[in-house]
Amino acid sequence: MTHSLIRIGIGGWTFEPWRGGAFYPEGLSQKKELEYASRALSAIEVNGTYYSSFKPQTFENWAATAPEGFVFTVKGSRFCTNRKVLAEAGESVQRFVGQGIVELGDKL
């Protein structure tokens, strides 16, 4: 018998309505939201990568904040995904992959 892992996650972790006790505990600083969410769930989709690029250090910091076994998914850049001719996205895909997502390591 094969066992599969189902991950439960959210798209992004910075969401105002989740503050103040709805999901995040009352008084939790915004700086600690990723740390909290990554311990309450097993995965998070990084939505921000759709809109802009990030520095490798940012990905490294996210990976360091999340516990072992946690997984990030990264949303493809709009410059890669929103094209009439997807075959023309090569340069955008290279830029997206080259921005430093590998710094997430085994959490990607």
N, C-alpha and C. Protein backbone atom coordinates (compact mmCIF):
# COMPACT_ATOMS: atom_id res chain seq x y z
N MET A 1 0.84 -1.18 0.00
CA MET A 1 0.00 0.00 0.00
C MET A 1 0.89 1.24 0.00
N THR A 2 0.56 2.18 -0.84
CA THR A 2 1.30 3.43 -0.93
C THR A 2 0.61 4.50 -0.09
N HIS A 3 1.41 5.24 0.65
CA HIS A 3 0.86 6.34 1.46
C HIS A 3 1.19 7.65 0.76
N SER A 4 0.22 8.50 0.65
CA SER A 4 0.40 9.81 0.03
C SER A 4 0.24 10.89 1.09
N LEU A 5 0.90 11.99 0.85
CA LEU A 5 0.82 13.12 1.76
C LEU A 5 -0.05 14.20 1.14
N ILE A 6 -1.04 14.61 1.85
CA ILE A 6 -1.88 15.73 1.41
C ILE A 6 -1.49 16.92 2.26
N ARG A 7 -1.15 18.01 1.61
CA ARG A 7 -0.76 19.22 2.32
C ARG A 7 -1.94 20.18 2.39
N ILE A 8 -2.03 20.87 3.50
CA ILE A 8 -3.06 21.88 3.70
C ILE A 8 -2.34 23.22 3.80
N GLY A 9 -2.76 24.17 2.97
CA GLY A 9 -2.07 25.45 2.99
C GLY A 9 -2.97 26.61 2.61
N ILE A 10 -2.34 27.74 2.44
CA ILE A 10 -3.03 28.97 2.09
C ILE A 10 -2.25 29.67 0.98
N GLY A 11 -2.91 30.57 0.29
CA GLY A 11 -2.26 31.40 -0.72
C GLY A 11 -1.84 32.70 -0.08
N GLY A 12 -0.57 32.83 0.23
CA GLY A 12 -0.06 34.02 0.91
C GLY A 12 -0.27 33.93 2.41
N TRP A 13 0.39 34.80 3.14
CA TRP A 13 0.23 34.79 4.59
C TRP A 13 0.00 36.18 5.17
N THR A 14 -0.03 37.19 4.32
CA THR A 14 -0.27 38.56 4.77
C THR A 14 -1.67 38.96 4.32
N PHE A 15 -2.60 38.86 5.25
CA PHE A 15 -3.99 39.13 4.91
C PHE A 15 -4.67 39.75 6.12
N GLU A 16 -4.99 41.02 6.02
CA GLU A 16 -5.53 41.80 7.15
C GLU A 16 -6.69 41.13 7.89
N PRO A 17 -7.70 40.59 7.21
CA PRO A 17 -8.83 39.98 7.95
C PRO A 17 -8.45 38.79 8.82
N TRP A 18 -7.27 38.20 8.62
CA TRP A 18 -6.85 37.06 9.43
C TRP A 18 -6.23 37.49 10.76
N ARG A 19 -5.99 38.78 10.91
CA ARG A 19 -5.34 39.28 12.12
C ARG A 19 -6.35 39.48 13.25
N GLY A 20 -5.83 39.61 14.45
CA GLY A 20 -6.68 39.93 15.59
C GLY A 20 -7.52 38.78 16.12
N GLY A 21 -7.08 37.55 15.86
CA GLY A 21 -7.78 36.40 16.41
C GLY A 21 -8.53 35.55 15.41
N ALA A 22 -8.75 36.05 14.19
CA ALA A 22 -9.45 35.26 13.17
C ALA A 22 -8.63 34.03 12.78
N PHE A 23 -7.35 34.21 12.52
CA PHE A 23 -6.40 33.12 12.29
C PHE A 23 -5.15 33.37 13.11
N TYR A 24 -4.60 34.56 12.97
CA TYR A 24 -3.42 34.92 13.75
C TYR A 24 -3.86 35.37 15.15
N PRO A 25 -3.11 34.98 16.16
CA PRO A 25 -3.48 35.38 17.53
C PRO A 25 -3.46 36.90 17.70
N GLU A 26 -4.29 37.35 18.56
CA GLU A 26 -4.33 38.77 18.93
C GLU A 26 -2.93 39.22 19.35
N GLY A 27 -2.49 40.34 18.78
CA GLY A 27 -1.20 40.90 19.17
C GLY A 27 0.01 40.35 18.44
N LEU A 28 -0.16 39.35 17.58
CA LEU A 28 0.97 38.81 16.83
C LEU A 28 1.45 39.87 15.84
N SER A 29 2.74 40.16 15.85
CA SER A 29 3.26 41.17 14.92
C SER A 29 3.25 40.60 13.49
N GLN A 30 3.08 41.48 12.53
CA GLN A 30 3.04 41.06 11.13
C GLN A 30 4.33 40.35 10.75
N LYS A 31 5.42 40.73 11.38
CA LYS A 31 6.72 40.12 11.12
C LYS A 31 6.73 38.62 11.47
N LYS A 32 5.86 38.21 12.37
CA LYS A 32 5.82 36.82 12.85
C LYS A 32 4.75 35.98 12.16
N GLU A 33 4.03 36.56 11.21
CA GLU A 33 2.92 35.83 10.59
C GLU A 33 3.37 34.60 9.81
N LEU A 34 4.46 34.70 9.08
CA LEU A 34 4.95 33.52 8.35
C LEU A 34 5.35 32.43 9.32
N GLU A 35 6.04 32.79 10.37
CA GLU A 35 6.46 31.80 11.36
C GLU A 35 5.23 31.08 11.95
N TYR A 36 4.22 31.83 12.30
CA TYR A 36 3.00 31.24 12.86
C TYR A 36 2.29 30.35 11.83
N ALA A 37 2.06 30.89 10.65
CA ALA A 37 1.32 30.15 9.62
C ALA A 37 2.04 28.88 9.20
N SER A 38 3.36 28.93 9.13
CA SER A 38 4.12 27.76 8.69
C SER A 38 4.13 26.64 9.74
N ARG A 39 3.71 26.95 10.94
CA ARG A 39 3.59 25.93 11.97
C ARG A 39 2.15 25.42 12.12
N ALA A 40 1.21 26.21 11.63
CA ALA A 40 -0.20 25.81 11.69
C ALA A 40 -0.62 25.01 10.46
N LEU A 41 0.13 25.18 9.36
CA LEU A 41 -0.21 24.56 8.07
C LEU A 41 1.02 23.83 7.53
N SER A 42 0.84 23.07 6.46
CA SER A 42 1.99 22.34 5.90
C SER A 42 2.51 22.94 4.60
N ALA A 43 1.83 23.97 4.07
CA ALA A 43 2.27 24.58 2.81
C ALA A 43 1.69 25.98 2.68
N ILE A 44 2.41 26.82 1.95
CA ILE A 44 1.93 28.16 1.61
C ILE A 44 2.33 28.45 0.17
N GLU A 45 1.39 29.01 -0.58
CA GLU A 45 1.71 29.49 -1.92
C GLU A 45 2.18 30.93 -1.80
N VAL A 46 3.32 31.22 -2.40
CA VAL A 46 3.83 32.59 -2.43
C VAL A 46 3.18 33.29 -3.61
N ASN A 47 2.21 34.12 -3.33
CA ASN A 47 1.50 34.85 -4.38
C ASN A 47 2.30 36.02 -4.92
N GLY A 48 3.15 36.61 -4.10
CA GLY A 48 3.89 37.80 -4.49
C GLY A 48 4.78 37.61 -5.70
N THR A 49 5.21 36.37 -5.96
CA THR A 49 6.08 36.11 -7.11
C THR A 49 5.35 36.30 -8.43
N TYR A 50 4.04 36.32 -8.39
CA TYR A 50 3.26 36.59 -9.60
C TYR A 50 3.42 38.06 -10.01
N TYR A 51 3.49 38.93 -9.02
CA TYR A 51 3.48 40.38 -9.26
C TYR A 51 4.86 41.01 -9.37
N SER A 52 5.85 40.45 -8.66
CA SER A 52 7.18 41.05 -8.68
C SER A 52 8.23 40.00 -8.36
N SER A 53 9.48 40.38 -8.50
CA SER A 53 10.57 39.46 -8.18
C SER A 53 11.08 39.79 -6.78
N PHE A 54 11.81 38.84 -6.21
CA PHE A 54 12.36 38.99 -4.87
C PHE A 54 13.85 38.69 -4.91
N LYS A 55 14.56 39.15 -3.91
CA LYS A 55 16.00 38.88 -3.80
C LYS A 55 16.20 37.48 -3.25
N PRO A 56 17.32 36.83 -3.62
CA PRO A 56 17.60 35.50 -3.08
C PRO A 56 17.55 35.46 -1.55
N GLN A 57 18.01 36.52 -0.91
CA GLN A 57 18.01 36.57 0.56
C GLN A 57 16.60 36.46 1.13
N THR A 58 15.63 37.00 0.43
CA THR A 58 14.24 36.91 0.89
C THR A 58 13.78 35.46 0.92
N PHE A 59 14.06 34.72 -0.16
CA PHE A 59 13.69 33.30 -0.20
C PHE A 59 14.43 32.53 0.89
N GLU A 60 15.69 32.86 1.08
CA GLU A 60 16.49 32.20 2.12
C GLU A 60 15.90 32.46 3.51
N ASN A 61 15.49 33.69 3.76
CA ASN A 61 14.88 34.03 5.05
C ASN A 61 13.57 33.28 5.26
N TRP A 62 12.75 33.19 4.22
CA TRP A 62 11.49 32.44 4.34
C TRP A 62 11.76 30.98 4.69
N ALA A 63 12.74 30.39 4.00
CA ALA A 63 13.07 28.99 4.25
C ALA A 63 13.56 28.79 5.69
N ALA A 64 14.35 29.73 6.18
CA ALA A 64 14.86 29.63 7.55
C ALA A 64 13.75 29.80 8.59
N THR A 65 12.73 30.54 8.26
CA THR A 65 11.62 30.80 9.18
C THR A 65 10.70 29.59 9.32
N ALA A 66 10.50 28.87 8.24
CA ALA A 66 9.57 27.73 8.24
C ALA A 66 10.23 26.47 8.80
N PRO A 67 9.46 25.62 9.46
CA PRO A 67 10.03 24.40 10.05
C PRO A 67 10.34 23.33 9.00
N GLU A 68 11.09 22.33 9.42
CA GLU A 68 11.39 21.19 8.55
C GLU A 68 10.08 20.55 8.10
N GLY A 69 10.05 20.09 6.86
CA GLY A 69 8.87 19.43 6.32
C GLY A 69 7.85 20.37 5.71
N PHE A 70 8.03 21.66 5.92
CA PHE A 70 7.12 22.65 5.36
C PHE A 70 7.47 22.88 3.89
N VAL A 71 6.48 23.21 3.06
CA VAL A 71 6.71 23.43 1.63
C VAL A 71 6.10 24.75 1.17
N PHE A 72 6.88 25.48 0.40
CA PHE A 72 6.39 26.67 -0.29
C PHE A 72 6.11 26.31 -1.75
N THR A 73 5.06 26.84 -2.30
CA THR A 73 4.88 26.82 -3.75
C THR A 73 4.99 28.26 -4.20
N VAL A 74 5.57 28.47 -5.35
CA VAL A 74 5.71 29.84 -5.85
C VAL A 74 4.87 30.01 -7.10
N LYS A 75 4.08 31.03 -7.11
CA LYS A 75 3.22 31.32 -8.26
C LYS A 75 4.10 31.89 -9.37
N GLY A 76 3.94 31.38 -10.58
CA GLY A 76 4.71 31.87 -11.71
C GLY A 76 4.43 33.34 -11.99
N SER A 77 5.46 34.03 -12.41
CA SER A 77 5.34 35.44 -12.75
C SER A 77 4.30 35.66 -13.84
N ARG A 78 3.59 36.76 -13.74
CA ARG A 78 2.59 37.09 -14.77
C ARG A 78 3.25 37.26 -16.13
N PHE A 79 4.54 37.60 -16.15
CA PHE A 79 5.25 37.75 -17.41
C PHE A 79 5.54 36.39 -18.06
N CYS A 80 5.46 35.34 -17.26
CA CYS A 80 5.62 33.98 -17.79
C CYS A 80 4.28 33.37 -18.18
N THR A 81 3.27 33.62 -17.40
CA THR A 81 2.01 32.90 -17.55
C THR A 81 0.96 33.61 -18.39
N ASN A 82 1.00 34.92 -18.45
CA ASN A 82 -0.05 35.66 -19.17
C ASN A 82 0.43 36.11 -20.54
N ARG A 83 0.57 35.16 -21.41
CA ARG A 83 1.04 35.43 -22.78
C ARG A 83 0.11 34.78 -23.77
N LYS A 84 -0.07 35.45 -24.88
CA LYS A 84 -0.88 34.85 -25.96
C LYS A 84 -0.16 33.65 -26.54
N VAL A 85 1.17 33.76 -26.65
CA VAL A 85 1.99 32.66 -27.17
C VAL A 85 2.95 32.25 -26.06
N LEU A 86 2.60 31.21 -25.34
CA LEU A 86 3.38 30.77 -24.19
C LEU A 86 4.81 30.40 -24.58
N ALA A 87 5.01 29.94 -25.79
CA ALA A 87 6.34 29.56 -26.26
C ALA A 87 7.31 30.74 -26.29
N GLU A 88 6.78 31.96 -26.21
CA GLU A 88 7.63 33.16 -26.22
C GLU A 88 8.04 33.61 -24.82
N ALA A 89 7.74 32.82 -23.82
CA ALA A 89 7.99 33.21 -22.43
C ALA A 89 9.37 32.80 -21.92
N GLY A 90 10.21 32.23 -22.77
CA GLY A 90 11.50 31.69 -22.33
C GLY A 90 12.34 32.64 -21.50
N GLU A 91 12.54 33.85 -21.96
CA GLU A 91 13.37 34.82 -21.24
C GLU A 91 12.74 35.16 -19.88
N SER A 92 11.44 35.32 -19.86
CA SER A 92 10.74 35.62 -18.60
C SER A 92 10.84 34.46 -17.62
N VAL A 93 10.76 33.24 -18.12
CA VAL A 93 10.88 32.06 -17.26
C VAL A 93 12.29 32.00 -16.68
N GLN A 94 13.30 32.27 -17.50
CA GLN A 94 14.68 32.28 -17.00
C GLN A 94 14.86 33.32 -15.89
N ARG A 95 14.31 34.51 -16.09
CA ARG A 95 14.39 35.55 -15.06
C ARG A 95 13.67 35.12 -13.79
N PHE A 96 12.49 34.52 -13.95
CA PHE A 96 11.71 34.07 -12.80
C PHE A 96 12.49 33.03 -11.99
N VAL A 97 12.97 32.01 -12.67
CA VAL A 97 13.70 30.94 -11.99
C VAL A 97 15.02 31.46 -11.42
N GLY A 98 15.65 32.39 -12.14
CA GLY A 98 16.94 32.92 -11.72
C GLY A 98 16.90 33.92 -10.58
N GLN A 99 15.71 34.33 -10.14
CA GLN A 99 15.64 35.35 -9.10
C GLN A 99 16.07 34.84 -7.73
N GLY A 100 16.17 33.53 -7.57
CA GLY A 100 16.65 32.99 -6.30
C GLY A 100 15.72 32.03 -5.61
N ILE A 101 14.71 31.52 -6.31
CA ILE A 101 13.76 30.60 -5.66
C ILE A 101 14.46 29.33 -5.16
N VAL A 102 15.61 29.00 -5.74
CA VAL A 102 16.34 27.81 -5.29
C VAL A 102 16.78 27.95 -3.84
N GLU A 103 16.81 29.17 -3.32
CA GLU A 103 17.19 29.39 -1.93
C GLU A 103 16.17 28.78 -0.96
N LEU A 104 15.00 28.43 -1.46
CA LEU A 104 14.02 27.74 -0.62
C LEU A 104 14.44 26.30 -0.34
N GLY A 105 15.40 25.80 -1.14
CA GLY A 105 15.94 24.47 -0.92
C GLY A 105 14.88 23.39 -0.95
N ASP A 106 14.94 22.49 0.04
CA ASP A 106 13.99 21.37 0.07
C ASP A 106 12.59 21.80 0.53
N LYS A 107 12.41 23.09 0.76
CA LYS A 107 11.07 23.60 1.11
C LYS A 107 10.34 24.12 -0.11
N LEU A 108 10.91 23.88 -1.30
CA LEU A 108 10.27 24.28 -2.55
C LEU A 108 9.56 23.08 -3.15
